[in-house]
Amino acid sequence: MKSGRKSMVGTVTSNKMDKTVVVVVERLGRHPVYKKVIKSQKKFKAHDAENTCRVGDVVRIVESRPLSKDKRWVVEEILRSPAQRFEQ
């Protein structure tokens, strides 16, 4: 990975497109007035060149140049797959 690029960890929610996956990244933040912890999520489209990601995989995505109208992220690695949990 090149230095200076942002990276995030999220869960794959869709892999129906060719060489593209939709990744949901959740983050926790504190409300400025009420100080309650709030969970927010955002969807990112990421490039998956080999079509290896499946729904439910936890992946790391990194920032890249614009690849299409909505794609600015690339899947760097699959951290955990739902199939791996059952094999253990």
N, C-alpha and C. Protein backbone atom coordinates (compact mmCIF):
# COMPACT_ATOMS: atom_id res chain seq x y z
N MET A 1 0.84 -1.18 0.00
CA MET A 1 0.00 0.00 0.00
C MET A 1 0.88 1.24 0.00
N LYS A 2 0.54 2.21 -0.82
CA LYS A 2 1.29 3.46 -0.85
C LYS A 2 0.97 4.28 0.39
N SER A 3 1.97 5.00 0.88
CA SER A 3 1.76 5.78 2.08
C SER A 3 0.87 6.98 1.79
N GLY A 4 0.15 7.43 2.78
CA GLY A 4 -0.71 8.59 2.63
C GLY A 4 -2.11 8.27 2.15
N ARG A 5 -2.40 7.00 1.86
CA ARG A 5 -3.74 6.63 1.42
C ARG A 5 -4.59 6.25 2.62
N LYS A 6 -5.86 6.65 2.58
CA LYS A 6 -6.78 6.29 3.64
C LYS A 6 -7.15 4.82 3.49
N SER A 7 -7.41 4.17 4.60
CA SER A 7 -7.89 2.80 4.56
C SER A 7 -9.00 2.64 5.59
N MET A 8 -9.93 1.74 5.29
CA MET A 8 -11.06 1.48 6.17
C MET A 8 -11.35 -0.01 6.18
N VAL A 9 -12.01 -0.45 7.24
CA VAL A 9 -12.42 -1.84 7.36
C VAL A 9 -13.93 -1.88 7.38
N GLY A 10 -14.52 -2.74 6.55
CA GLY A 10 -15.97 -2.83 6.49
C GLY A 10 -16.43 -4.20 6.04
N THR A 11 -17.74 -4.35 5.93
CA THR A 11 -18.36 -5.61 5.58
C THR A 11 -18.97 -5.53 4.19
N VAL A 12 -18.75 -6.56 3.38
CA VAL A 12 -19.31 -6.59 2.03
C VAL A 12 -20.81 -6.90 2.14
N THR A 13 -21.63 -6.04 1.51
CA THR A 13 -23.07 -6.25 1.54
C THR A 13 -23.62 -6.65 0.18
N SER A 14 -22.88 -6.40 -0.90
CA SER A 14 -23.35 -6.77 -2.24
C SER A 14 -22.15 -7.04 -3.13
N ASN A 15 -22.27 -8.11 -3.93
CA ASN A 15 -21.23 -8.41 -4.92
C ASN A 15 -21.86 -8.74 -6.26
N LYS A 16 -23.01 -8.16 -6.55
CA LYS A 16 -23.76 -8.48 -7.77
C LYS A 16 -23.19 -7.83 -9.01
N MET A 17 -22.37 -6.79 -8.84
CA MET A 17 -21.77 -6.14 -9.99
C MET A 17 -20.48 -6.84 -10.39
N ASP A 18 -20.04 -6.65 -11.61
CA ASP A 18 -18.80 -7.26 -12.09
C ASP A 18 -17.61 -6.43 -11.62
N LYS A 19 -16.70 -7.07 -10.89
CA LYS A 19 -15.48 -6.45 -10.37
C LYS A 19 -15.75 -5.29 -9.42
N THR A 20 -16.92 -5.25 -8.79
CA THR A 20 -17.27 -4.19 -7.84
C THR A 20 -18.02 -4.81 -6.68
N VAL A 21 -17.70 -4.35 -5.46
CA VAL A 21 -18.43 -4.76 -4.27
C VAL A 21 -18.87 -3.52 -3.52
N VAL A 22 -19.96 -3.64 -2.78
CA VAL A 22 -20.42 -2.56 -1.92
C VAL A 22 -20.01 -2.92 -0.50
N VAL A 23 -19.29 -2.00 0.15
CA VAL A 23 -18.76 -2.22 1.49
C VAL A 23 -19.39 -1.22 2.45
N VAL A 24 -19.93 -1.71 3.56
CA VAL A 24 -20.51 -0.84 4.58
C VAL A 24 -19.47 -0.67 5.69
N VAL A 25 -19.15 0.59 5.98
CA VAL A 25 -18.20 0.92 7.04
C VAL A 25 -18.97 1.57 8.17
N GLU A 26 -18.88 0.98 9.36
CA GLU A 26 -19.55 1.53 10.53
C GLU A 26 -18.54 2.28 11.39
N ARG A 27 -19.00 3.36 12.01
CA ARG A 27 -18.14 4.09 12.93
C ARG A 27 -18.97 4.55 14.12
N LEU A 28 -18.30 4.71 15.23
CA LEU A 28 -18.95 5.18 16.45
C LEU A 28 -18.53 6.61 16.71
N GLY A 29 -19.49 7.42 17.08
CA GLY A 29 -19.20 8.81 17.41
C GLY A 29 -20.07 9.25 18.57
N ARG A 30 -19.64 10.27 19.26
CA ARG A 30 -20.38 10.77 20.40
C ARG A 30 -21.18 12.00 19.99
N HIS A 31 -22.43 12.04 20.41
CA HIS A 31 -23.28 13.19 20.10
C HIS A 31 -22.72 14.43 20.80
N PRO A 32 -22.64 15.57 20.08
CA PRO A 32 -21.99 16.74 20.66
C PRO A 32 -22.71 17.32 21.88
N VAL A 33 -24.02 17.19 21.95
CA VAL A 33 -24.77 17.77 23.07
C VAL A 33 -25.09 16.73 24.13
N TYR A 34 -25.65 15.58 23.70
CA TYR A 34 -26.15 14.59 24.65
C TYR A 34 -25.13 13.55 25.05
N LYS A 35 -23.98 13.54 24.41
CA LYS A 35 -22.86 12.65 24.74
C LYS A 35 -23.19 11.17 24.61
N LYS A 36 -24.25 10.84 23.91
CA LYS A 36 -24.59 9.45 23.68
C LYS A 36 -23.78 8.91 22.51
N VAL A 37 -23.36 7.66 22.59
CA VAL A 37 -22.60 7.05 21.51
C VAL A 37 -23.57 6.68 20.39
N ILE A 38 -23.28 7.15 19.19
CA ILE A 38 -24.14 6.93 18.03
C ILE A 38 -23.36 6.13 17.00
N LYS A 39 -24.02 5.10 16.47
CA LYS A 39 -23.42 4.28 15.42
C LYS A 39 -23.92 4.81 14.07
N SER A 40 -22.99 5.11 13.18
CA SER A 40 -23.37 5.56 11.84
C SER A 40 -22.66 4.68 10.82
N GLN A 41 -23.24 4.56 9.64
CA GLN A 41 -22.64 3.73 8.62
C GLN A 41 -22.72 4.42 7.27
N LYS A 42 -21.77 4.07 6.41
CA LYS A 42 -21.72 4.63 5.08
C LYS A 42 -21.32 3.52 4.10
N LYS A 43 -21.88 3.57 2.89
CA LYS A 43 -21.58 2.58 1.88
C LYS A 43 -20.55 3.12 0.89
N PHE A 44 -19.61 2.28 0.53
CA PHE A 44 -18.59 2.61 -0.45
C PHE A 44 -18.57 1.52 -1.51
N LYS A 45 -18.39 1.91 -2.78
CA LYS A 45 -18.19 0.95 -3.85
C LYS A 45 -16.69 0.77 -4.03
N ALA A 46 -16.25 -0.48 -4.04
CA ALA A 46 -14.82 -0.77 -4.12
C ALA A 46 -14.55 -1.74 -5.26
N HIS A 47 -13.38 -1.60 -5.86
CA HIS A 47 -12.96 -2.44 -6.99
C HIS A 47 -12.42 -3.76 -6.47
N ASP A 48 -12.96 -4.85 -6.99
CA ASP A 48 -12.53 -6.21 -6.65
C ASP A 48 -12.16 -6.90 -7.96
N ALA A 49 -10.91 -6.82 -8.35
CA ALA A 49 -10.47 -7.24 -9.69
C ALA A 49 -10.73 -8.71 -9.97
N GLU A 50 -10.57 -9.59 -8.99
CA GLU A 50 -10.72 -11.03 -9.23
C GLU A 50 -12.10 -11.56 -8.86
N ASN A 51 -13.01 -10.71 -8.43
CA ASN A 51 -14.35 -11.13 -7.98
C ASN A 51 -14.26 -12.20 -6.89
N THR A 52 -13.38 -12.00 -5.90
CA THR A 52 -13.19 -12.99 -4.84
C THR A 52 -14.04 -12.71 -3.61
N CYS A 53 -14.52 -11.49 -3.43
CA CYS A 53 -15.28 -11.14 -2.23
C CYS A 53 -16.69 -11.70 -2.30
N ARG A 54 -17.18 -12.13 -1.15
CA ARG A 54 -18.55 -12.61 -1.02
C ARG A 54 -19.27 -11.78 0.03
N VAL A 55 -20.60 -11.87 0.02
CA VAL A 55 -21.40 -11.13 1.00
C VAL A 55 -21.06 -11.64 2.40
N GLY A 56 -20.79 -10.71 3.31
CA GLY A 56 -20.44 -11.06 4.69
C GLY A 56 -18.96 -11.00 4.99
N ASP A 57 -18.12 -10.93 3.97
CA ASP A 57 -16.67 -10.84 4.19
C ASP A 57 -16.33 -9.51 4.84
N VAL A 58 -15.36 -9.55 5.74
CA VAL A 58 -14.80 -8.32 6.32
C VAL A 58 -13.54 -8.01 5.53
N VAL A 59 -13.50 -6.82 4.92
CA VAL A 59 -12.41 -6.46 4.02
C VAL A 59 -11.79 -5.12 4.41
N ARG A 60 -10.55 -4.94 3.96
CA ARG A 60 -9.89 -3.63 4.10
C ARG A 60 -9.89 -2.99 2.73
N ILE A 61 -10.39 -1.74 2.65
CA ILE A 61 -10.39 -1.00 1.38
C ILE A 61 -9.46 0.19 1.52
N VAL A 62 -8.79 0.55 0.42
CA VAL A 62 -7.88 1.68 0.41
C VAL A 62 -8.29 2.64 -0.70
N GLU A 63 -7.97 3.89 -0.48
CA GLU A 63 -8.29 4.95 -1.42
C GLU A 63 -7.48 4.79 -2.71
N SER A 64 -8.10 5.15 -3.84
CA SER A 64 -7.39 5.09 -5.12
C SER A 64 -7.89 6.22 -6.02
N ARG A 65 -7.37 6.25 -7.22
CA ARG A 65 -7.84 7.23 -8.18
C ARG A 65 -9.27 6.87 -8.58
N PRO A 66 -10.04 7.80 -9.12
CA PRO A 66 -11.40 7.47 -9.55
C PRO A 66 -11.39 6.41 -10.66
N LEU A 67 -12.09 5.31 -10.42
CA LEU A 67 -12.16 4.22 -11.40
C LEU A 67 -13.45 4.28 -12.21
N SER A 68 -14.47 4.91 -11.68
CA SER A 68 -15.73 5.11 -12.39
C SER A 68 -16.45 6.27 -11.71
N LYS A 69 -17.73 6.43 -12.01
CA LYS A 69 -18.48 7.54 -11.43
C LYS A 69 -18.52 7.46 -9.90
N ASP A 70 -18.69 6.27 -9.35
CA ASP A 70 -18.82 6.11 -7.90
C ASP A 70 -17.66 5.40 -7.23
N LYS A 71 -16.80 4.72 -7.99
CA LYS A 71 -15.73 3.90 -7.39
C LYS A 71 -14.46 4.71 -7.19
N ARG A 72 -14.05 4.84 -5.92
CA ARG A 72 -12.79 5.49 -5.56
C ARG A 72 -12.00 4.65 -4.57
N TRP A 73 -12.38 3.41 -4.37
CA TRP A 73 -11.75 2.53 -3.39
C TRP A 73 -11.41 1.20 -4.04
N VAL A 74 -10.40 0.52 -3.50
CA VAL A 74 -9.95 -0.79 -3.99
C VAL A 74 -9.87 -1.73 -2.79
N VAL A 75 -10.34 -2.96 -2.97
CA VAL A 75 -10.22 -3.97 -1.92
C VAL A 75 -8.76 -4.38 -1.81
N GLU A 76 -8.17 -4.14 -0.64
CA GLU A 76 -6.77 -4.50 -0.44
C GLU A 76 -6.63 -5.95 0.00
N GLU A 77 -7.45 -6.37 0.98
CA GLU A 77 -7.37 -7.75 1.43
C GLU A 77 -8.67 -8.15 2.12
N ILE A 78 -8.92 -9.45 2.11
CA ILE A 78 -10.06 -10.00 2.84
C ILE A 78 -9.54 -10.41 4.21
N LEU A 79 -10.06 -9.76 5.25
CA LEU A 79 -9.59 -10.04 6.60
C LEU A 79 -10.26 -11.27 7.20
N ARG A 80 -11.56 -11.40 6.98
CA ARG A 80 -12.29 -12.53 7.56
C ARG A 80 -13.45 -12.87 6.65
N SER A 81 -13.68 -14.16 6.46
CA SER A 81 -14.78 -14.61 5.62
C SER A 81 -15.73 -15.44 6.48
N PRO A 82 -17.05 -15.38 6.22
CA PRO A 82 -17.97 -16.19 7.01
C PRO A 82 -17.68 -17.68 6.92
N ALA A 83 -17.15 -18.14 5.79
CA ALA A 83 -16.82 -19.56 5.63
C ALA A 83 -15.68 -19.97 6.55
N GLN A 84 -14.76 -19.06 6.85
CA GLN A 84 -13.63 -19.37 7.72
C GLN A 84 -14.07 -19.63 9.15
N ARG A 85 -15.16 -19.00 9.59
CA ARG A 85 -15.61 -19.19 10.96
C ARG A 85 -16.09 -20.62 11.18
N PHE A 86 -16.72 -21.24 10.18
CA PHE A 86 -17.27 -22.58 10.35
C PHE A 86 -16.21 -23.67 10.17
N GLU A 87 -15.09 -23.35 9.53
CA GLU A 87 -14.05 -24.35 9.33
C GLU A 87 -13.26 -24.63 10.58
N GLN A 88 -13.23 -23.72 11.52
CA GLN A 88 -12.40 -23.88 12.71
C GLN A 88 -12.95 -24.90 13.67
